[in-house]
Amino acid sequence: MNKLNLRNIVPGGADTSVANPITTTFEGSFAADYIAAAILSGNTLSSDVITIKPNVKYKQVVKKLAWGSIVGDAACDFDATANAITLSERVLTVEPFQVNLQLCKQDYYTDYIGQEMAMSAYADLPTSFADFLIAQVAAKVAESVENSLWNGTTATVGEFDGFVTLLTAAGDANPVTGTASTAGNIIEELGKIVDNIPSSVYGKEDLYIYLPQNMARNYVRALGGFAVAATSNNGVGNQGTTWYNGQGLSFDGVKIFVANGLPDNKAVAAEKSNLFFGTGLLEDHNEVRLIDTAATLGDQNVRMIMRFTSGAQVGITSDCVLYS
């Protein structure tokens, strides 16, 4: 899941009807470079900060052990400690999703990429442009899954219940009421999160504070010394705002991960082993089919198709902190 392994399937053929034409104009001579808007990357699933469950056909029971007191006074008889181990379980359900797009090759015949197409009016799209389209679709899907993973709701088309939705519904996720984040208050707000982490979880190796981008930016700025007057505090290493170069962040000894799918001013503290993402096959998230339908339908269209399953679940919600 760390890298896209795209399979480009482009049968030979041609098309003619104008369906969903692309209106973008490429200026200047074709130079094998295409401009695309910056896309929010699906960084959570590619960063090994939650537990991924592949090969979930429909549902999978997620189990987690909770330990009570197991040490008792010595005695001659065996005395099993009652309720020493609590086995909790949640059902991880994956939902099916699809991408169906269609474009007409006719729209590109008179464009600059026509230089890379054959002379025939029934030529295929250039391989480089086809690869570009496939990469863009895969990236947009990654963006959608990232957003659903954290803030999605299954009632919304194209989404599944994300961690914020699941923790909110549970009602026992140590909720923290915060305020709009600024560089001036971010230290106090992060302190609220850490103060509400259960003692049984604080200090665990896989514990993270998952932050949205706006809170992370404010934290970086605060550490640069600009939570107060710049003249009195130059921040980390006396470097001001130049101190940060993308290195890992932490707060009070707890690792911080910037989750692109979290909306502004919402954060989660949890163990990696307590947050689960499920899918049928990881490879399904890396495959987009680009199919020229000329040979089968006699048109001039190209279809892009992707089908996959996704779902999320939290093991023990009371071990988490939900900041909002």
C-alpha atoms as a PDB file:
ATOM      1  CA  MET A   1       0.000   0.000   0.000  1.00  0.00           C
ATOM      2  CA  ASN A   2       3.056   2.243   0.202  1.00  0.00           C
ATOM      3  CA  LYS A   3       3.217   2.730  -3.554  1.00  0.00           C
ATOM      4  CA  LEU A   4       0.684   2.588  -6.325  1.00  0.00           C
ATOM      5  CA  ASN A   5       1.161  -0.429  -8.572  1.00  0.00           C
ATOM      6  CA  LEU A   6      -1.095   0.558 -11.430  1.00  0.00           C
ATOM      7  CA  ARG A   7      -2.134  -1.872 -14.137  1.00  0.00           C
ATOM      8  CA  ASN A   8      -2.897  -0.068 -17.386  1.00  0.00           C
ATOM      9  CA  ILE A   9      -5.308  -2.011 -19.615  1.00  0.00           C
ATOM     10  CA  VAL A  10      -5.870  -0.287 -22.959  1.00  0.00           C
ATOM     11  CA  PRO A  11      -7.293  -2.577 -25.663  1.00  0.00           C
ATOM     12  CA  GLY A  12      -6.886  -1.286 -29.196  1.00  0.00           C
ATOM     13  CA  GLY A  13      -9.752   0.483 -30.876  1.00  0.00           C
ATOM     14  CA  ALA A  14     -11.380   3.878 -31.253  1.00  0.00           C
ATOM     15  CA  ASP A  15     -14.361   6.040 -30.317  1.00  0.00           C
ATOM     16  CA  THR A  16     -16.606   8.921 -31.433  1.00  0.00           C
ATOM     17  CA  SER A  17     -19.464  10.048 -29.153  1.00  0.00           C
ATOM     18  CA  VAL A  18     -18.847  13.033 -26.920  1.00  0.00           C
ATOM     19  CA  ALA A  19     -19.492  11.932 -23.322  1.00  0.00           C
ATOM     20  CA  ASN A  20     -18.272  13.975 -20.363  1.00  0.00           C
ATOM     21  CA  PRO A  21     -15.792  15.981 -22.477  1.00  0.00           C
ATOM     22  CA  ILE A  22     -12.688  17.312 -20.763  1.00  0.00           C
ATOM     23  CA  THR A  23     -12.761  21.099 -20.900  1.00  0.00           C
ATOM     24  CA  THR A  24      -9.197  21.742 -19.732  1.00  0.00           C
ATOM     25  CA  THR A  25      -6.950  23.351 -22.351  1.00  0.00           C
ATOM     26  CA  PHE A  26      -3.260  22.505 -22.428  1.00  0.00           C
ATOM     27  CA  GLU A  27      -1.237  25.533 -23.478  1.00  0.00           C
ATOM     28  CA  GLY A  28       1.856  25.206 -25.650  1.00  0.00           C
ATOM     29  CA  SER A  29       3.343  22.247 -27.496  1.00  0.00           C
ATOM     30  CA  PHE A  30       3.002  18.808 -25.901  1.00  0.00           C
ATOM     31  CA  ALA A  31       6.091  18.044 -23.855  1.00  0.00           C
ATOM     32  CA  ALA A  32       5.017  14.889 -21.976  1.00  0.00           C
ATOM     33  CA  ASP A  33       4.168  16.990 -18.902  1.00  0.00           C
ATOM     34  CA  TYR A  34       0.662  17.493 -17.552  1.00  0.00           C
ATOM     35  CA  ILE A  35      -0.406  19.983 -14.901  1.00  0.00           C
ATOM     36  CA  ALA A  36      -2.684  18.697 -12.158  1.00  0.00           C
ATOM     37  CA  ALA A  37      -3.951  20.343  -9.035  1.00  0.00           C
ATOM     38  CA  ALA A  38      -2.199  19.194  -5.887  1.00  0.00           C
ATOM     39  CA  ILE A  39      -4.124  16.242  -4.514  1.00  0.00           C
ATOM     40  CA  LEU A  40      -4.515  15.472  -0.846  1.00  0.00           C
ATOM     41  CA  SER A  41      -2.618  12.206  -0.468  1.00  0.00           C
ATOM     42  CA  GLY A  42      -4.035   9.231   1.375  1.00  0.00           C
ATOM     43  CA  ASN A  43      -1.191   9.404   3.836  1.00  0.00           C
ATOM     44  CA  THR A  44      -2.633   7.395   6.740  1.00  0.00           C
ATOM     45  CA  LEU A  45      -2.793   4.046   4.950  1.00  0.00           C
ATOM     46  CA  SER A  46       0.696   4.492   3.505  1.00  0.00           C
ATOM     47  CA  SER A  47       2.370   5.444   6.789  1.00  0.00           C
ATOM     48  CA  ASP A  48       1.936   2.353   9.000  1.00  0.00           C
ATOM     49  CA  VAL A  49       0.150   4.275  11.770  1.00  0.00           C
ATOM     50  CA  ILE A  50      -3.045   2.196  11.959  1.00  0.00           C
ATOM     51  CA  THR A  51      -3.715  -1.537  11.684  1.00  0.00           C
ATOM     52  CA  ILE A  52      -4.656  -2.715   8.183  1.00  0.00           C
ATOM     53  CA  LYS A  53      -6.755  -5.833   7.783  1.00  0.00           C
ATOM     54  CA  PRO A  54      -6.533  -7.143   4.195  1.00  0.00           C
ATOM     55  CA  ASN A  55      -8.629  -9.934   2.701  1.00  0.00           C
ATOM     56  CA  VAL A  56     -11.865  -9.014   4.514  1.00  0.00           C
ATOM     57  CA  LYS A  57     -14.604 -10.439   2.306  1.00  0.00           C
ATOM     58  CA  TYR A  58     -17.514  -8.775   4.108  1.00  0.00           C
ATOM     59  CA  LYS A  59     -17.159  -8.839   7.891  1.00  0.00           C
ATOM     60  CA  GLN A  60     -14.375  -9.690  10.293  1.00  0.00           C
ATOM     61  CA  VAL A  61     -14.467  -9.779  14.087  1.00  0.00           C
ATOM     62  CA  VAL A  62     -11.722  -7.645  15.596  1.00  0.00           C
ATOM     63  CA  LYS A  63     -10.741  -8.885  19.064  1.00  0.00           C
ATOM     64  CA  LYS A  64      -8.672  -7.188  21.737  1.00  0.00           C
ATOM     65  CA  LEU A  65      -7.670  -8.307  25.231  1.00  0.00           C
ATOM     66  CA  ALA A  66      -8.063  -6.066  28.272  1.00  0.00           C
ATOM     67  CA  TRP A  67      -6.223  -7.180  31.404  1.00  0.00           C
ATOM     68  CA  GLY A  68      -7.401  -6.757  34.976  1.00  0.00           C
ATOM     69  CA  SER A  69      -5.443  -7.556  38.125  1.00  0.00           C
ATOM     70  CA  ILE A  70      -3.851 -11.023  37.841  1.00  0.00           C
ATOM     71  CA  VAL A  71      -1.619 -11.050  40.948  1.00  0.00           C
ATOM     72  CA  GLY A  72      -3.177 -12.372  44.153  1.00  0.00           C
ATOM     73  CA  ASP A  73      -2.064 -13.616  47.574  1.00  0.00           C
ATOM     74  CA  ALA A  74      -0.406 -17.030  47.665  1.00  0.00           C
ATOM     75  CA  ALA A  75      -2.565 -19.995  48.724  1.00  0.00           C
ATOM     76  CA  CYS A  76      -2.480 -23.783  48.531  1.00  0.00           C
ATOM     77  CA  ASP A  77      -5.439 -24.003  46.156  1.00  0.00           C
ATOM     78  CA  PHE A  78      -5.684 -22.830  42.585  1.00  0.00           C
ATOM     79  CA  ASP A  79      -7.843 -19.723  42.497  1.00  0.00           C
ATOM     80  CA  ALA A  80      -8.469 -18.320  39.052  1.00  0.00           C
ATOM     81  CA  THR A  81      -8.650 -14.531  39.195  1.00  0.00           C
ATOM     82  CA  ALA A  82     -12.187 -13.641  38.217  1.00  0.00           C
ATOM     83  CA  ASN A  83     -12.533 -11.277  35.276  1.00  0.00           C
ATOM     84  CA  ALA A  84      -8.759 -10.919  34.931  1.00  0.00           C
ATOM     85  CA  ILE A  85      -9.021 -11.023  31.161  1.00  0.00           C
ATOM     86  CA  THR A  86     -11.742  -9.292  29.206  1.00  0.00           C
ATOM     87  CA  LEU A  87     -12.062 -10.189  25.552  1.00  0.00           C
ATOM     88  CA  SER A  88     -13.749  -7.419  23.612  1.00  0.00           C
ATOM     89  CA  GLU A  89     -14.733  -7.620  20.005  1.00  0.00           C
ATOM     90  CA  ARG A  90     -15.937  -5.319  17.273  1.00  0.00           C
ATOM     91  CA  VAL A  91     -17.206  -6.212  13.837  1.00  0.00           C
ATOM     92  CA  LEU A  92     -15.241  -4.678  10.982  1.00  0.00           C
ATOM     93  CA  THR A  93     -17.563  -4.435   7.994  1.00  0.00           C
ATOM     94  CA  VAL A  94     -16.278  -3.428   4.577  1.00  0.00           C
ATOM     95  CA  GLU A  95     -18.493  -1.693   2.030  1.00  0.00           C
ATOM     96  CA  PRO A  96     -18.224  -1.960  -1.771  1.00  0.00           C
ATOM     97  CA  PHE A  97     -17.374   1.151  -3.781  1.00  0.00           C
ATOM     98  CA  GLN A  98     -16.757   1.888  -7.442  1.00  0.00           C
ATOM     99  CA  VAL A  99     -15.418   4.502  -9.830  1.00  0.00           C
ATOM    100  CA  ASN A 100     -17.078   4.774 -13.266  1.00  0.00           C
ATOM    101  CA  LEU A 101     -15.770   7.465 -15.609  1.00  0.00           C
ATOM    102  CA  GLN A 102     -16.008   7.926 -19.376  1.00  0.00           C
ATOM    103  CA  LEU A 103     -14.229  10.217 -21.810  1.00  0.00           C
ATOM    104  CA  CYS A 104     -14.234  10.566 -25.579  1.00  0.00           C
ATOM    105  CA  LYS A 105     -10.995  10.349 -27.569  1.00  0.00           C
ATOM    106  CA  GLN A 106     -12.481  12.719 -30.148  1.00  0.00           C
ATOM    107  CA  ASP A 107     -11.975  15.530 -27.639  1.00  0.00           C
ATOM    108  CA  TYR A 108      -8.227  15.044 -27.867  1.00  0.00           C
ATOM    109  CA  TYR A 109      -7.728  14.705 -31.625  1.00  0.00           C
ATOM    110  CA  THR A 110      -7.310  18.450 -32.133  1.00  0.00           C
ATOM    111  CA  ASP A 111      -5.466  18.996 -28.876  1.00  0.00           C
ATOM    112  CA  TYR A 112      -1.733  19.201 -28.552  1.00  0.00           C
ATOM    113  CA  ILE A 113      -1.540  15.580 -27.422  1.00  0.00           C
ATOM    114  CA  GLY A 114      -2.680  14.705 -30.954  1.00  0.00           C
ATOM    115  CA  GLN A 115       1.009  14.865 -31.865  1.00  0.00           C
ATOM    116  CA  GLU A 116       1.471  11.696 -29.866  1.00  0.00           C
ATOM    117  CA  MET A 117      -1.585   9.959 -31.388  1.00  0.00           C
ATOM    118  CA  ALA A 118      -1.474   8.046 -34.642  1.00  0.00           C
ATOM    119  CA  MET A 119      -2.615   9.690 -37.911  1.00  0.00           C
ATOM    120  CA  SER A 120      -5.775   7.569 -38.011  1.00  0.00           C
ATOM    121  CA  ALA A 121      -9.005   9.110 -36.749  1.00  0.00           C
ATOM    122  CA  TYR A 122      -9.429   5.930 -34.730  1.00  0.00           C
ATOM    123  CA  ALA A 123      -6.179   6.098 -32.812  1.00  0.00           C
ATOM    124  CA  ASP A 124      -5.724   5.208 -29.166  1.00  0.00           C
ATOM    125  CA  LEU A 125      -5.064   7.781 -26.505  1.00  0.00           C
ATOM    126  CA  PRO A 126      -1.326   8.329 -26.013  1.00  0.00           C
ATOM    127  CA  THR A 127       0.076   5.939 -23.451  1.00  0.00           C
ATOM    128  CA  SER A 128       1.611   8.782 -21.442  1.00  0.00           C
ATOM    129  CA  PHE A 129      -1.739  10.571 -21.194  1.00  0.00           C
ATOM    130  CA  ALA A 130      -3.543   7.318 -20.344  1.00  0.00           C
ATOM    131  CA  ASP A 131      -1.027   6.720 -17.554  1.00  0.00           C
ATOM    132  CA  PHE A 132      -1.603  10.269 -16.351  1.00  0.00           C
ATOM    133  CA  LEU A 133      -5.387   9.757 -16.202  1.00  0.00           C
ATOM    134  CA  ILE A 134      -5.004   6.469 -14.359  1.00  0.00           C
ATOM    135  CA  ALA A 135      -2.651   8.005 -11.805  1.00  0.00           C
ATOM    136  CA  GLN A 136      -5.062  10.888 -11.225  1.00  0.00           C
ATOM    137  CA  VAL A 137      -8.024   8.548 -10.646  1.00  0.00           C
ATOM    138  CA  ALA A 138      -6.007   6.403  -8.233  1.00  0.00           C
ATOM    139  CA  ALA A 139      -4.882   9.506  -6.336  1.00  0.00           C
ATOM    140  CA  LYS A 140      -8.446  10.840  -6.099  1.00  0.00           C
ATOM    141  CA  VAL A 141      -9.602   7.487  -4.746  1.00  0.00           C
ATOM    142  CA  ALA A 142      -6.790   7.592  -2.176  1.00  0.00           C
ATOM    143  CA  GLU A 143      -7.983  11.057  -1.165  1.00  0.00           C
ATOM    144  CA  SER A 144     -11.571   9.863  -0.815  1.00  0.00           C
ATOM    145  CA  VAL A 145     -10.587   6.853   1.294  1.00  0.00           C
ATOM    146  CA  GLU A 146      -8.374   9.038   3.505  1.00  0.00           C
ATOM    147  CA  ASN A 147     -11.260  11.410   4.188  1.00  0.00           C
ATOM    148  CA  SER A 148     -13.701   8.568   4.892  1.00  0.00           C
ATOM    149  CA  LEU A 149     -11.205   6.801   7.131  1.00  0.00           C
ATOM    150  CA  TRP A 150     -11.284   9.684   9.581  1.00  0.00           C
ATOM    151  CA  ASN A 151     -14.478  11.640   9.047  1.00  0.00           C
ATOM    152  CA  GLY A 152     -16.716   9.591   6.754  1.00  0.00           C
ATOM    153  CA  THR A 153     -20.293   8.508   7.402  1.00  0.00           C
ATOM    154  CA  THR A 154     -21.814   5.494   5.717  1.00  0.00           C
ATOM    155  CA  ALA A 155     -25.036   7.430   5.064  1.00  0.00           C
ATOM    156  CA  THR A 156     -23.113   9.607   2.604  1.00  0.00           C
ATOM    157  CA  VAL A 157     -22.626   8.208  -0.904  1.00  0.00           C
ATOM    158  CA  GLY A 158     -19.066   7.019  -1.428  1.00  0.00           C
ATOM    159  CA  GLU A 159     -18.174   7.014   2.290  1.00  0.00           C
ATOM    160  CA  PHE A 160     -17.917   4.561   5.166  1.00  0.00           C
ATOM    161  CA  ASP A 161     -18.018   5.301   8.897  1.00  0.00           C
ATOM    162  CA  GLY A 162     -14.656   6.758   9.878  1.00  0.00           C
ATOM    163  CA  PHE A 163     -12.906   6.904  13.232  1.00  0.00           C
ATOM    164  CA  VAL A 164     -14.435  10.243  14.300  1.00  0.00           C
ATOM    165  CA  THR A 165     -17.937   8.958  13.511  1.00  0.00           C
ATOM    166  CA  LEU A 166     -17.320   5.663  15.315  1.00  0.00           C
ATOM    167  CA  LEU A 167     -15.853   7.317  18.410  1.00  0.00           C
ATOM    168  CA  THR A 168     -18.646   9.891  18.541  1.00  0.00           C
ATOM    169  CA  ALA A 169     -21.294   7.165  18.339  1.00  0.00           C
ATOM    170  CA  ALA A 170     -19.590   5.110  21.066  1.00  0.00           C
ATOM    171  CA  GLY A 171     -19.869   7.977  23.542  1.00  0.00           C
ATOM    172  CA  ASP A 172     -17.093   6.696  25.830  1.00  0.00           C
ATOM    173  CA  ALA A 173     -14.033   7.866  23.909  1.00  0.00           C
ATOM    174  CA  ASN A 174     -12.862  10.388  26.538  1.00  0.00           C
ATOM    175  CA  PRO A 175     -14.281  13.389  24.683  1.00  0.00           C
ATOM    176  CA  VAL A 176     -12.425  16.702  24.924  1.00  0.00           C
ATOM    177  CA  THR A 177     -14.058  19.976  23.989  1.00  0.00           C
ATOM    178  CA  GLY A 178     -11.512  22.247  22.393  1.00  0.00           C
ATOM    179  CA  THR A 179     -11.433  25.591  20.690  1.00  0.00           C
ATOM    180  CA  ALA A 180     -10.327  26.838  17.283  1.00  0.00           C
ATOM    181  CA  SER A 181      -6.614  26.187  17.043  1.00  0.00           C
ATOM    182  CA  THR A 182      -4.037  28.976  16.855  1.00  0.00           C
ATOM    183  CA  ALA A 183      -0.294  29.119  17.394  1.00  0.00           C
ATOM    184  CA  GLY A 184      -1.048  30.876  20.662  1.00  0.00           C
ATOM    185  CA  ASN A 185      -3.300  28.188  22.164  1.00  0.00           C
ATOM    186  CA  ILE A 186      -2.122  24.964  20.531  1.00  0.00           C
ATOM    187  CA  ILE A 187       0.115  23.931  23.452  1.00  0.00           C
ATOM    188  CA  GLU A 188      -2.810  24.216  25.840  1.00  0.00           C
ATOM    189  CA  GLU A 189      -5.114  22.332  23.462  1.00  0.00           C
ATOM    190  CA  LEU A 190      -2.654  19.477  22.979  1.00  0.00           C
ATOM    191  CA  GLY A 191      -2.277  19.379  26.748  1.00  0.00           C
ATOM    192  CA  LYS A 192      -6.015  18.748  27.047  1.00  0.00           C
ATOM    193  CA  ILE A 193      -5.666  15.727  24.781  1.00  0.00           C
ATOM    194  CA  VAL A 194      -2.729  14.234  26.685  1.00  0.00           C
ATOM    195  CA  ASP A 195      -4.402  14.881  30.058  1.00  0.00           C
ATOM    196  CA  ASN A 196      -7.378  12.768  28.939  1.00  0.00           C
ATOM    197  CA  ILE A 197      -5.391   9.781  27.657  1.00  0.00           C
ATOM    198  CA  PRO A 198      -6.203   6.847  29.980  1.00  0.00           C
ATOM    199  CA  SER A 199      -3.334   5.888  32.296  1.00  0.00           C
ATOM    200  CA  SER A 200      -3.440   2.340  30.934  1.00  0.00           C
ATOM    201  CA  VAL A 201      -2.666   3.667  27.459  1.00  0.00           C
ATOM    202  CA  TYR A 202      -0.294   6.579  28.135  1.00  0.00           C
ATOM    203  CA  GLY A 203       3.290   5.558  27.446  1.00  0.00           C
ATOM    204  CA  LYS A 204       2.416   2.736  25.046  1.00  0.00           C
ATOM    205  CA  GLU A 205       4.869   2.419  22.173  1.00  0.00           C
ATOM    206  CA  ASP A 206       2.193   2.583  19.471  1.00  0.00           C
ATOM    207  CA  LEU A 207       0.299   5.538  20.960  1.00  0.00           C
ATOM    208  CA  TYR A 208      -0.248   8.475  18.605  1.00  0.00           C
ATOM    209  CA  ILE A 209      -1.949  11.831  18.628  1.00  0.00           C
ATOM    210  CA  TYR A 210      -3.527  12.102  15.177  1.00  0.00           C
ATOM    211  CA  LEU A 211      -3.762  15.773  14.229  1.00  0.00           C
ATOM    212  CA  PRO A 212      -5.379  17.633  11.333  1.00  0.00           C
ATOM    213  CA  GLN A 213      -3.187  19.850   9.222  1.00  0.00           C
ATOM    214  CA  ASN A 214      -4.281  23.136  10.791  1.00  0.00           C
ATOM    215  CA  MET A 215      -3.370  22.017  14.326  1.00  0.00           C
ATOM    216  CA  ALA A 216      -0.062  20.580  13.150  1.00  0.00           C
ATOM    217  CA  ARG A 217       0.856  23.839  11.392  1.00  0.00           C
ATOM    218  CA  ASN A 218       0.032  25.835  14.497  1.00  0.00           C
ATOM    219  CA  TYR A 219       2.143  23.494  16.632  1.00  0.00           C
ATOM    220  CA  VAL A 220       5.122  23.865  14.285  1.00  0.00           C
ATOM    221  CA  ARG A 221       4.743  27.631  14.399  1.00  0.00           C
ATOM    222  CA  ALA A 222       4.443  27.649  18.169  1.00  0.00           C
ATOM    223  CA  LEU A 223       7.649  25.620  18.484  1.00  0.00           C
ATOM    224  CA  GLY A 224       9.311  28.159  16.213  1.00  0.00           C
ATOM    225  CA  GLY A 225       8.736  30.758  18.890  1.00  0.00           C
ATOM    226  CA  PHE A 226       5.841  32.624  17.343  1.00  0.00           C
ATOM    227  CA  ALA A 227       3.250  31.696  19.896  1.00  0.00           C
ATOM    228  CA  VAL A 228       4.675  34.722  21.706  1.00  0.00           C
ATOM    229  CA  ALA A 229       6.483  37.832  20.507  1.00  0.00           C
ATOM    230  CA  ALA A 230       9.237  36.797  18.091  1.00  0.00           C
ATOM    231  CA  THR A 231      11.670  39.177  19.751  1.00  0.00           C
ATOM    232  CA  SER A 232      11.527  37.259  23.027  1.00  0.00           C
ATOM    233  CA  ASN A 233      11.511  33.668  21.816  1.00  0.00           C
ATOM    234  CA  ASN A 234      13.237  32.247  18.753  1.00  0.00           C
ATOM    235  CA  GLY A 235      11.945  28.729  19.317  1.00  0.00           C
ATOM    236  CA  VAL A 236      13.623  25.375  18.766  1.00  0.00           C
ATOM    237  CA  GLY A 237      17.377  25.713  18.311  1.00  0.00           C
ATOM    238  CA  ASN A 238      16.989  29.485  18.195  1.00  0.00           C
ATOM    239  CA  GLN A 239      15.992  29.076  14.530  1.00  0.00           C
ATOM    240  CA  GLY A 240      12.551  30.651  14.548  1.00  0.00           C
ATOM    241  CA  THR A 241      10.177  29.211  11.959  1.00  0.00           C
ATOM    242  CA  THR A 242      13.077  27.746   9.958  1.00  0.00           C
ATOM    243  CA  TRP A 243      13.559  24.970  12.523  1.00  0.00           C
ATOM    244  CA  TYR A 244      11.106  22.542  10.938  1.00  0.00           C
ATOM    245  CA  ASN A 245      12.103  20.412   7.937  1.00  0.00           C
ATOM    246  CA  GLY A 246       9.432  17.733   7.977  1.00  0.00           C
ATOM    247  CA  GLN A 247      10.858  15.680  10.837  1.00  0.00           C
ATOM    248  CA  GLY A 248       8.667  13.739  13.236  1.00  0.00           C
ATOM    249  CA  LEU A 249       6.727  15.616  15.892  1.00  0.00           C
ATOM    250  CA  SER A 250       5.803  14.677  19.442  1.00  0.00           C
ATOM    251  CA  PHE A 251       4.110  16.272  22.425  1.00  0.00           C
ATOM    252  CA  ASP A 252       4.798  15.325  26.034  1.00  0.00           C
ATOM    253  CA  GLY A 253       6.461  12.161  24.807  1.00  0.00           C
ATOM    254  CA  VAL A 254       3.536  11.117  22.586  1.00  0.00           C
ATOM    255  CA  LYS A 255       4.182  10.759  18.862  1.00  0.00           C
ATOM    256  CA  ILE A 256       2.184  12.997  16.533  1.00  0.00           C
ATOM    257  CA  PHE A 257       0.903  11.937  13.129  1.00  0.00           C
ATOM    258  CA  VAL A 258      -0.632  14.446  10.731  1.00  0.00           C
ATOM    259  CA  ALA A 259      -3.696  12.728   9.244  1.00  0.00           C
ATOM    260  CA  ASN A 260      -4.754  14.530   6.077  1.00  0.00           C
ATOM    261  CA  GLY A 261      -8.298  13.178   6.369  1.00  0.00           C
ATOM    262  CA  LEU A 262      -9.003  14.814   9.726  1.00  0.00           C
ATOM    263  CA  PRO A 263     -11.002  18.042   9.427  1.00  0.00           C
ATOM    264  CA  ASP A 264      -9.764  21.209  11.104  1.00  0.00           C
ATOM    265  CA  ASN A 265      -9.805  21.242  14.912  1.00  0.00           C
ATOM    266  CA  LYS A 266     -10.614  17.557  15.319  1.00  0.00           C
ATOM    267  CA  ALA A 267      -8.026  15.165  16.704  1.00  0.00           C
ATOM    268  CA  VAL A 268      -7.770  11.617  18.010  1.00  0.00           C
ATOM    269  CA  ALA A 269      -5.386   9.994  20.464  1.00  0.00           C
ATOM    270  CA  ALA A 270      -5.211   6.221  20.169  1.00  0.00           C
ATOM    271  CA  GLU A 271      -2.946   3.235  19.807  1.00  0.00           C
ATOM    272  CA  LYS A 272      -2.116   2.085  16.302  1.00  0.00           C
ATOM    273  CA  SER A 273      -3.218  -1.405  17.374  1.00  0.00           C
ATOM    274  CA  ASN A 274      -6.662  -0.041  18.293  1.00  0.00           C
ATOM    275  CA  LEU A 275      -7.558   1.541  14.930  1.00  0.00           C
ATOM    276  CA  PHE A 276      -8.437  -0.799  12.067  1.00  0.00           C
ATOM    277  CA  PHE A 277      -8.909  -0.406   8.327  1.00  0.00           C
ATOM    278  CA  GLY A 278     -10.282  -3.313   6.338  1.00  0.00           C
ATOM    279  CA  THR A 279     -10.389  -4.035   2.628  1.00  0.00           C
ATOM    280  CA  GLY A 280     -10.939  -7.033   0.388  1.00  0.00           C
ATOM    281  CA  LEU A 281      -7.566  -6.949  -1.352  1.00  0.00           C
ATOM    282  CA  LEU A 282      -4.982  -4.212  -0.941  1.00  0.00           C
ATOM    283  CA  GLU A 283      -4.206  -4.614  -4.631  1.00  0.00           C
ATOM    284  CA  ASP A 284      -7.760  -3.502  -5.461  1.00  0.00           C
ATOM    285  CA  HIS A 285      -6.863  -0.031  -4.182  1.00  0.00           C
ATOM    286  CA  ASN A 286      -3.978   0.099  -6.656  1.00  0.00           C
ATOM    287  CA  GLU A 287      -5.782  -0.893  -9.850  1.00  0.00           C
ATOM    288  CA  VAL A 288      -7.645   1.329 -12.260  1.00  0.00           C
ATOM    289  CA  ARG A 289      -8.794  -0.182 -15.565  1.00  0.00           C
ATOM    290  CA  LEU A 290      -8.745   2.021 -18.634  1.00  0.00           C
ATOM    291  CA  ILE A 291     -10.829   0.264 -21.289  1.00  0.00           C
ATOM    292  CA  ASP A 292     -11.233   1.369 -24.897  1.00  0.00           C
ATOM    293  CA  THR A 293     -14.782   0.288 -25.843  1.00  0.00           C
ATOM    294  CA  ALA A 294     -14.410   0.791 -29.611  1.00  0.00           C
ATOM    295  CA  ALA A 295     -13.915  -2.903 -30.329  1.00  0.00           C
ATOM    296  CA  THR A 296     -16.932  -3.991 -28.289  1.00  0.00           C
ATOM    297  CA  LEU A 297     -19.409  -1.095 -28.533  1.00  0.00           C
ATOM    298  CA  GLY A 298     -18.344   0.579 -31.760  1.00  0.00           C
ATOM    299  CA  ASP A 299     -18.027   3.997 -30.134  1.00  0.00           C
ATOM    300  CA  GLN A 300     -15.083   6.293 -29.483  1.00  0.00           C
ATOM    301  CA  ASN A 301     -15.177   6.242 -25.700  1.00  0.00           C
ATOM    302  CA  VAL A 302     -12.698   5.204 -23.073  1.00  0.00           C
ATOM    303  CA  ARG A 303     -13.978   4.040 -19.710  1.00  0.00           C
ATOM    304  CA  MET A 304     -12.136   4.107 -16.416  1.00  0.00           C
ATOM    305  CA  ILE A 305     -13.322   1.568 -13.850  1.00  0.00           C
ATOM    306  CA  MET A 306     -12.280   0.791 -10.303  1.00  0.00           C
ATOM    307  CA  ARG A 307     -14.002  -1.380  -7.720  1.00  0.00           C
ATOM    308  CA  PHE A 308     -12.870  -1.890  -4.136  1.00  0.00           C
ATOM    309  CA  THR A 309     -14.088  -2.370  -0.564  1.00  0.00           C
ATOM    310  CA  SER A 310     -13.254  -0.324   2.523  1.00  0.00           C
ATOM    311  CA  GLY A 311     -14.262  -0.079   6.155  1.00  0.00           C
ATOM    312  CA  ALA A 312     -12.964   1.064   9.541  1.00  0.00           C
ATOM    313  CA  GLN A 313     -13.414   0.048  13.163  1.00  0.00           C
ATOM    314  CA  VAL A 314     -12.102   0.940  16.635  1.00  0.00           C
ATOM    315  CA  GLY A 315     -11.217  -1.894  19.019  1.00  0.00           C
ATOM    316  CA  ILE A 316     -11.714  -0.344  22.470  1.00  0.00           C
ATOM    317  CA  THR A 317     -13.243   3.103  22.166  1.00  0.00           C
ATOM    318  CA  SER A 318     -12.724   3.910  25.864  1.00  0.00           C
ATOM    319  CA  ASP A 319      -8.959   3.739  25.296  1.00  0.00           C
ATOM    320  CA  CYS A 320      -9.147   6.654  22.846  1.00  0.00           C
ATOM    321  CA  VAL A 321      -9.460  10.416  23.129  1.00  0.00           C
ATOM    322  CA  LEU A 322     -11.715  12.338  20.758  1.00  0.00           C
ATOM    323  CA  TYR A 323     -10.941  16.050  20.559  1.00  0.00           C
ATOM    324  CA  SER A 324     -13.398  18.312  18.823  1.00  0.00           C
END
